[in-house]
PDB file of N, CA and C in Angstrom:
ATOM      1  N   MET A   1      -9.736 -88.171  -5.770  1.00  0.00           N
ATOM      2  CA  MET A   1      -9.869 -89.321  -4.948  1.00  0.00           C
ATOM      3  C   MET A   1      -9.500 -89.003  -3.410  1.00  0.00           C
ATOM      4  N   LEU A   2      -8.483 -88.315  -3.349  1.00  0.00           N
ATOM      5  CA  LEU A   2      -8.130 -87.793  -1.994  1.00  0.00           C
ATOM      6  C   LEU A   2      -9.134 -86.933  -1.400  1.00  0.00           C
ATOM      7  N   TYR A   3      -9.686 -86.111  -2.095  1.00  0.00           N
ATOM      8  CA  TYR A   3     -10.707 -85.013  -1.808  1.00  0.00           C
ATOM      9  C   TYR A   3     -11.955 -85.802  -1.224  1.00  0.00           C
ATOM     10  N   ASP A   4     -12.290 -86.978  -1.786  1.00  0.00           N
ATOM     11  CA  ASP A   4     -13.371 -87.717  -1.365  1.00  0.00           C
ATOM     12  C   ASP A   4     -13.387 -88.220   0.148  1.00  0.00           C
ATOM     13  N   TYR A   5     -12.049 -88.369   0.551  1.00  0.00           N
ATOM     14  CA  TYR A   5     -11.968 -88.866   1.965  1.00  0.00           C
ATOM     15  C   TYR A   5     -11.323 -87.856   2.891  1.00  0.00           C
ATOM     16  N   ILE A   6     -11.299 -86.455   2.528  1.00  0.00           N
ATOM     17  CA  ILE A   6     -10.776 -85.503   3.387  1.00  0.00           C
ATOM     18  C   ILE A   6     -11.345 -85.585   4.899  1.00  0.00           C
ATOM     19  N   ASP A   7     -12.622 -85.837   4.913  1.00  0.00           N
ATOM     20  CA  ASP A   7     -13.202 -85.760   6.355  1.00  0.00           C
ATOM     21  C   ASP A   7     -12.693 -86.838   7.040  1.00  0.00           C
ATOM     22  N   GLN A   8     -12.600 -87.953   6.493  1.00  0.00           N
ATOM     23  CA  GLN A   8     -12.106 -89.236   7.391  1.00  0.00           C
ATOM     24  C   GLN A   8     -10.518 -88.937   7.689  1.00  0.00           C
ATOM     25  N   ILE A   9      -9.747 -88.415   6.802  1.00  0.00           N
ATOM     26  CA  ILE A   9      -8.433 -88.142   7.102  1.00  0.00           C
ATOM     27  C   ILE A   9      -8.177 -87.029   8.003  1.00  0.00           C
ATOM     28  N   GLU A  10      -9.096 -86.051   8.193  1.00  0.00           N
ATOM     29  CA  GLU A  10      -8.997 -84.889   9.097  1.00  0.00           C
ATOM     30  C   GLU A  10      -9.543 -85.394  10.449  1.00  0.00           C
ATOM     31  N   SER A  11     -10.366 -86.352  10.555  1.00  0.00           N
ATOM     32  CA  SER A  11     -10.915 -86.929  11.789  1.00  0.00           C
ATOM     33  C   SER A  11      -9.722 -87.749  12.380  1.00  0.00           C
ATOM     34  N   ILE A  12      -8.973 -88.621  11.559  1.00  0.00           N
ATOM     35  CA  ILE A  12      -8.080 -89.583  12.122  1.00  0.00           C
ATOM     36  C   ILE A  12      -6.862 -88.775  12.624  1.00  0.00           C
ATOM     37  N   GLY A  13      -6.706 -87.590  11.854  1.00  0.00           N
ATOM     38  CA  GLY A  13      -5.439 -86.870  12.146  1.00  0.00           C
ATOM     39  C   GLY A  13      -5.664 -86.043  13.425  1.00  0.00           C
ATOM     40  N   LEU A  14      -6.898 -85.603  13.582  1.00  0.00           N
ATOM     41  CA  LEU A  14      -7.183 -84.933  14.819  1.00  0.00           C
ATOM     42  C   LEU A  14      -7.199 -85.847  16.077  1.00  0.00           C
ATOM     43  N   ASP A  15      -7.768 -87.223  15.829  1.00  0.00           N
ATOM     44  CA  ASP A  15      -7.642 -88.085  16.927  1.00  0.00           C
ATOM     45  C   ASP A  15      -6.010 -88.378  17.238  1.00  0.00           C
ATOM     46  N   ILE A  16      -5.318 -88.487  16.334  1.00  0.00           N
ATOM     47  CA  ILE A  16      -3.780 -88.759  16.539  1.00  0.00           C
ATOM     48  C   ILE A  16      -3.284 -87.580  17.167  1.00  0.00           C
ATOM     49  N   LEU A  17      -3.557 -86.466  16.806  1.00  0.00           N
ATOM     50  CA  LEU A  17      -3.031 -85.180  17.573  1.00  0.00           C
ATOM     51  C   LEU A  17      -3.446 -85.195  18.890  1.00  0.00           C
ATOM     52  N   PHE A  18      -4.562 -85.504  19.277  1.00  0.00           N
ATOM     53  CA  PHE A  18      -5.200 -85.402  20.639  1.00  0.00           C
ATOM     54  C   PHE A  18      -4.529 -86.564  21.545  1.00  0.00           C
ATOM     55  N   ALA A  19      -4.240 -87.718  20.884  1.00  0.00           N
ATOM     56  CA  ALA A  19      -3.618 -88.648  21.723  1.00  0.00           C
ATOM     57  C   ALA A  19      -2.228 -88.395  22.013  1.00  0.00           C
ATOM     58  N   SER A  20      -1.402 -87.764  21.025  1.00  0.00           N
ATOM     59  CA  SER A  20      -0.114 -87.305  21.368  1.00  0.00           C
ATOM     60  C   SER A  20      -0.042 -86.429  22.269  1.00  0.00           C
ATOM     61  N   ILE A  21      -1.128 -85.496  22.331  1.00  0.00           N
ATOM     62  CA  ILE A  21      -1.025 -84.403  23.368  1.00  0.00           C
ATOM     63  C   ILE A  21      -1.157 -84.996  24.722  1.00  0.00           C
ATOM     64  N   PHE A  22      -2.149 -86.021  24.799  1.00  0.00           N
ATOM     65  CA  PHE A  22      -2.165 -86.745  26.069  1.00  0.00           C
ATOM     66  C   PHE A  22      -0.940 -87.379  26.559  1.00  0.00           C
ATOM     67  N   ILE A  23      -0.385 -87.974  25.558  1.00  0.00           N
ATOM     68  CA  ILE A  23       1.038 -88.737  26.008  1.00  0.00           C
ATOM     69  C   ILE A  23       1.934 -87.722  26.394  1.00  0.00           C
ATOM     70  N   LEU A  24       2.214 -86.638  25.853  1.00  0.00           N
ATOM     71  CA  LEU A  24       2.989 -85.540  26.226  1.00  0.00           C
ATOM     72  C   LEU A  24       2.634 -84.989  27.632  1.00  0.00           C
ATOM     73  N   ILE A  25       1.412 -84.759  27.789  1.00  0.00           N
ATOM     74  CA  ILE A  25       0.977 -84.216  29.166  1.00  0.00           C
ATOM     75  C   ILE A  25       1.351 -85.337  30.257  1.00  0.00           C
ATOM     76  N   GLY A  26       1.122 -86.659  29.829  1.00  0.00           N
ATOM     77  CA  GLY A  26       1.458 -87.576  30.853  1.00  0.00           C
ATOM     78  C   GLY A  26       2.926 -87.713  31.097  1.00  0.00           C
ATOM     79  N   LEU A  27       3.781 -87.465  30.166  1.00  0.00           N
ATOM     80  CA  LEU A  27       5.143 -87.466  30.286  1.00  0.00           C
ATOM     81  C   LEU A  27       5.550 -86.298  31.278  1.00  0.00           C
ATOM     82  N   ALA A  28       5.007 -85.232  30.941  1.00  0.00           N
ATOM     83  CA  ALA A  28       5.365 -83.958  31.727  1.00  0.00           C
ATOM     84  C   ALA A  28       4.844 -84.094  33.079  1.00  0.00           C
ATOM     85  N   ILE A  29       3.646 -84.715  33.382  1.00  0.00           N
ATOM     86  CA  ILE A  29       3.296 -84.812  34.667  1.00  0.00           C
ATOM     87  C   ILE A  29       4.148 -85.855  35.444  1.00  0.00           C
ATOM     88  N   LYS A  30       4.636 -86.861  34.757  1.00  0.00           N
ATOM     89  CA  LYS A  30       5.492 -87.860  35.431  1.00  0.00           C
ATOM     90  C   LYS A  30       6.763 -87.211  35.959  1.00  0.00           C
ATOM     91  N   ASP A  31       7.279 -86.272  35.094  1.00  0.00           N
ATOM     92  CA  ASP A  31       8.590 -85.626  35.258  1.00  0.00           C
ATOM     93  C   ASP A  31       8.442 -84.733  36.584  1.00  0.00           C
ATOM     94  N   VAL A  32       7.263 -83.954  36.537  1.00  0.00           N
ATOM     95  CA  VAL A  32       7.054 -83.045  37.626  1.00  0.00           C
ATOM     96  C   VAL A  32       6.906 -83.805  38.995  1.00  0.00           C
ATOM     97  N   LEU A  33       6.167 -85.030  38.845  1.00  0.00           N
ATOM     98  CA  LEU A  33       5.804 -85.660  40.100  1.00  0.00           C
ATOM     99  C   LEU A  33       7.124 -86.323  40.645  1.00  0.00           C
ATOM    100  N   ASN A  34       8.035 -86.769  39.859  1.00  0.00           N
ATOM    101  CA  ASN A  34       9.291 -87.426  40.190  1.00  0.00           C
ATOM    102  C   ASN A  34      10.165 -86.145  40.897  1.00  0.00           C
ATOM    103  N   GLN A  35      10.285 -85.069  40.315  1.00  0.00           N
ATOM    104  CA  GLN A  35      11.080 -83.927  40.802  1.00  0.00           C
ATOM    105  C   GLN A  35      10.528 -83.234  41.963  1.00  0.00           C
ATOM    106  N   GLY A  36       9.208 -83.355  42.236  1.00  0.00           N
ATOM    107  CA  GLY A  36       8.560 -82.574  43.214  1.00  0.00           C
ATOM    108  C   GLY A  36       8.343 -83.426  44.514  1.00  0.00           C
ATOM    109  N   ASN A  37       8.893 -84.562  44.621  1.00  0.00           N
ATOM    110  CA  ASN A  37       8.690 -85.422  45.881  1.00  0.00           C
ATOM    111  C   ASN A  37       7.280 -85.500  46.456  1.00  0.00           C
ATOM    112  N   VAL A  38       6.358 -85.775  45.484  1.00  0.00           N
ATOM    113  CA  VAL A  38       4.874 -85.682  45.781  1.00  0.00           C
ATOM    114  C   VAL A  38       4.441 -87.014  46.481  1.00  0.00           C
ATOM    115  N   PRO A  39       3.846 -86.929  47.516  1.00  0.00           N
ATOM    116  CA  PRO A  39       3.402 -88.108  48.354  1.00  0.00           C
ATOM    117  C   PRO A  39       2.538 -89.049  47.403  1.00  0.00           C
ATOM    118  N   PRO A  40       2.532 -90.425  47.663  1.00  0.00           N
ATOM    119  CA  PRO A  40       1.746 -91.279  46.904  1.00  0.00           C
ATOM    120  C   PRO A  40       0.241 -91.076  46.615  1.00  0.00           C
ATOM    121  N   PHE A  41      -0.346 -90.556  47.708  1.00  0.00           N
ATOM    122  CA  PHE A  41      -1.766 -90.099  47.622  1.00  0.00           C
ATOM    123  C   PHE A  41      -1.956 -89.061  46.531  1.00  0.00           C
ATOM    124  N   GLY A  42      -1.143 -88.067  46.593  1.00  0.00           N
ATOM    125  CA  GLY A  42      -1.159 -87.044  45.494  1.00  0.00           C
ATOM    126  C   GLY A  42      -0.968 -87.493  44.224  1.00  0.00           C
ATOM    127  N   ARG A  43      -0.038 -88.357  44.221  1.00  0.00           N
ATOM    128  CA  ARG A  43       0.354 -89.030  42.706  1.00  0.00           C
ATOM    129  C   ARG A  43      -0.789 -89.651  42.273  1.00  0.00           C
ATOM    130  N   ARG A  44      -1.626 -90.575  43.127  1.00  0.00           N
ATOM    131  CA  ARG A  44      -2.727 -91.254  42.673  1.00  0.00           C
ATOM    132  C   ARG A  44      -3.852 -90.299  42.223  1.00  0.00           C
ATOM    133  N   ILE A  45      -3.992 -89.181  42.872  1.00  0.00           N
ATOM    134  CA  ILE A  45      -5.128 -88.372  42.520  1.00  0.00           C
ATOM    135  C   ILE A  45      -4.728 -87.579  41.248  1.00  0.00           C
ATOM    136  N   VAL A  46      -3.560 -87.055  40.954  1.00  0.00           N
ATOM    137  CA  VAL A  46      -2.981 -86.632  39.705  1.00  0.00           C
ATOM    138  C   VAL A  46      -3.239 -87.599  38.612  1.00  0.00           C
ATOM    139  N   TRP A  47      -2.866 -88.829  38.744  1.00  0.00           N
ATOM    140  CA  TRP A  47      -3.104 -89.841  37.660  1.00  0.00           C
ATOM    141  C   TRP A  47      -4.491 -90.095  37.443  1.00  0.00           C
ATOM    142  N   LEU A  48      -5.346 -90.203  38.429  1.00  0.00           N
ATOM    143  CA  LEU A  48      -6.744 -90.362  38.270  1.00  0.00           C
ATOM    144  C   LEU A  48      -7.415 -89.215  37.433  1.00  0.00           C
ATOM    145  N   VAL A  49      -7.173 -88.015  37.804  1.00  0.00           N
ATOM    146  CA  VAL A  49      -7.589 -86.949  36.998  1.00  0.00           C
ATOM    147  C   VAL A  49      -7.158 -86.916  35.559  1.00  0.00           C
ATOM    148  N   LEU A  50      -5.854 -87.350  35.316  1.00  0.00           N
ATOM    149  CA  LEU A  50      -5.498 -87.483  33.868  1.00  0.00           C
ATOM    150  C   LEU A  50      -6.173 -88.534  33.142  1.00  0.00           C
ATOM    151  N   PHE A  51      -6.416 -89.725  33.846  1.00  0.00           N
ATOM    152  CA  PHE A  51      -7.110 -90.802  33.197  1.00  0.00           C
ATOM    153  C   PHE A  51      -8.525 -90.565  33.084  1.00  0.00           C
ATOM    154  N   LEU A  52      -9.222 -89.763  33.906  1.00  0.00           N
ATOM    155  CA  LEU A  52     -10.667 -89.344  33.615  1.00  0.00           C
ATOM    156  C   LEU A  52     -10.665 -88.516  32.409  1.00  0.00           C
ATOM    157  N   GLY A  53      -9.740 -87.554  32.282  1.00  0.00           N
ATOM    158  CA  GLY A  53      -9.715 -86.705  31.140  1.00  0.00           C
ATOM    159  C   GLY A  53      -9.622 -87.524  29.782  1.00  0.00           C
ATOM    160  N   CYS A  54      -8.761 -88.408  29.775  1.00  0.00           N
ATOM    161  CA  CYS A  54      -8.479 -89.289  28.673  1.00  0.00           C
ATOM    162  C   CYS A  54      -9.637 -90.141  28.399  1.00  0.00           C
ATOM    163  N   ALA A  55     -10.351 -90.741  29.455  1.00  0.00           N
ATOM    164  CA  ALA A  55     -11.424 -91.613  29.333  1.00  0.00           C
ATOM    165  C   ALA A  55     -12.774 -90.781  28.751  1.00  0.00           C
ATOM    166  N   GLY A  56     -12.770 -89.555  29.178  1.00  0.00           N
ATOM    167  CA  GLY A  56     -13.865 -88.715  28.594  1.00  0.00           C
ATOM    168  C   GLY A  56     -13.609 -88.446  27.167  1.00  0.00           C
ATOM    169  N   PHE A  57     -12.472 -88.231  26.698  1.00  0.00           N
ATOM    170  CA  PHE A  57     -12.109 -88.109  25.240  1.00  0.00           C
ATOM    171  C   PHE A  57     -12.483 -89.210  24.465  1.00  0.00           C
ATOM    172  N   VAL A  58     -12.039 -90.415  24.957  1.00  0.00           N
ATOM    173  CA  VAL A  58     -12.295 -91.609  24.304  1.00  0.00           C
ATOM    174  C   VAL A  58     -13.956 -91.957  24.403  1.00  0.00           C
ATOM    175  N   ALA A  59     -14.608 -91.665  25.402  1.00  0.00           N
ATOM    176  CA  ALA A  59     -16.059 -91.806  25.571  1.00  0.00           C
ATOM    177  C   ALA A  59     -16.765 -90.908  24.389  1.00  0.00           C
ATOM    178  N   LYS A  60     -16.226 -89.761  24.457  1.00  0.00           N
ATOM    179  CA  LYS A  60     -16.822 -88.720  23.304  1.00  0.00           C
ATOM    180  C   LYS A  60     -16.763 -89.326  21.901  1.00  0.00           C
ATOM    181  N   GLY A  61     -15.584 -89.825  21.579  1.00  0.00           N
ATOM    182  CA  GLY A  61     -15.375 -90.428  20.326  1.00  0.00           C
ATOM    183  C   GLY A  61     -16.231 -91.567  20.125  1.00  0.00           C
ATOM    184  N   ILE A  62     -16.293 -92.433  20.999  1.00  0.00           N
ATOM    185  CA  ILE A  62     -17.310 -93.608  20.825  1.00  0.00           C
ATOM    186  C   ILE A  62     -18.725 -93.053  20.593  1.00  0.00           C
ATOM    187  N   ILE A  63     -19.219 -92.180  21.464  1.00  0.00           N
ATOM    188  CA  ILE A  63     -20.503 -91.679  21.326  1.00  0.00           C
ATOM    189  C   ILE A  63     -20.784 -91.036  19.989  1.00  0.00           C
ATOM    190  N   GLN A  64     -19.838 -90.339  19.618  1.00  0.00           N
ATOM    191  CA  GLN A  64     -19.862 -89.581  18.270  1.00  0.00           C
ATOM    192  C   GLN A  64     -19.837 -90.499  17.087  1.00  0.00           C
ATOM    193  N   VAL A  65     -19.102 -91.688  17.139  1.00  0.00           N
ATOM    194  CA  VAL A  65     -19.129 -92.721  16.188  1.00  0.00           C
ATOM    195  C   VAL A  65     -20.584 -93.502  16.108  1.00  0.00           C
ATOM    196  N   SER A  66     -21.149 -93.755  17.338  1.00  0.00           N
ATOM    197  CA  SER A  66     -22.358 -94.378  17.391  1.00  0.00           C
ATOM    198  C   SER A  66     -23.522 -93.560  16.982  1.00  0.00           C
ATOM    199  N   TRP A  67     -23.377 -92.055  17.146  1.00  0.00           N
ATOM    200  CA  TRP A  67     -24.565 -91.274  16.749  1.00  0.00           C
ATOM    201  C   TRP A  67     -24.508 -91.100  15.199  1.00  0.00           C
ATOM    202  N   GLU A  68     -23.350 -91.014  14.759  1.00  0.00           N
ATOM    203  CA  GLU A  68     -23.175 -90.860  13.361  1.00  0.00           C
ATOM    204  C   GLU A  68     -23.633 -92.083  12.502  1.00  0.00           C
ATOM    205  N   GLY A  69     -23.413 -93.237  13.174  1.00  0.00           N
ATOM    206  CA  GLY A  69     -23.753 -94.492  12.562  1.00  0.00           C
ATOM    207  C   GLY A  69     -25.295 -94.646  12.489  1.00  0.00           C
ATOM    208  N   SER A  70     -26.012 -94.068  13.666  1.00  0.00           N
ATOM    209  CA  SER A  70     -27.300 -94.178  13.557  1.00  0.00           C
ATOM    210  C   SER A  70     -28.150 -93.100  12.882  1.00  0.00           C
ATOM    211  N   GLY A  71     -27.414 -92.180  12.281  1.00  0.00           N
ATOM    212  CA  GLY A  71     -28.009 -91.052  11.525  1.00  0.00           C
ATOM    213  C   GLY A  71     -28.409 -89.912  12.271  1.00  0.00           C
ATOM    214  N   LEU A  72     -27.973 -89.657  13.476  1.00  0.00           N
ATOM    215  CA  LEU A  72     -28.345 -88.524  14.231  1.00  0.00           C
ATOM    216  C   LEU A  72     -27.363 -87.361  13.859  1.00  0.00           C
TER     217      LEU A  72
END
């Protein structure tokens, strides 16, 4: 029975892994920005880049689910 759902389990596990990596990257960047006395404009740029990377990952997941649902 578990073997029947191994693809779904693998997909969910991989998504959780990537989400945790993004969280850890965010925490590391927050620590570096606090200790480096980075100006506010630089902080905004850094967080924007991190957000865009995360948004791209989420968009990829949504596109993948929609394509798999339509049979592509």
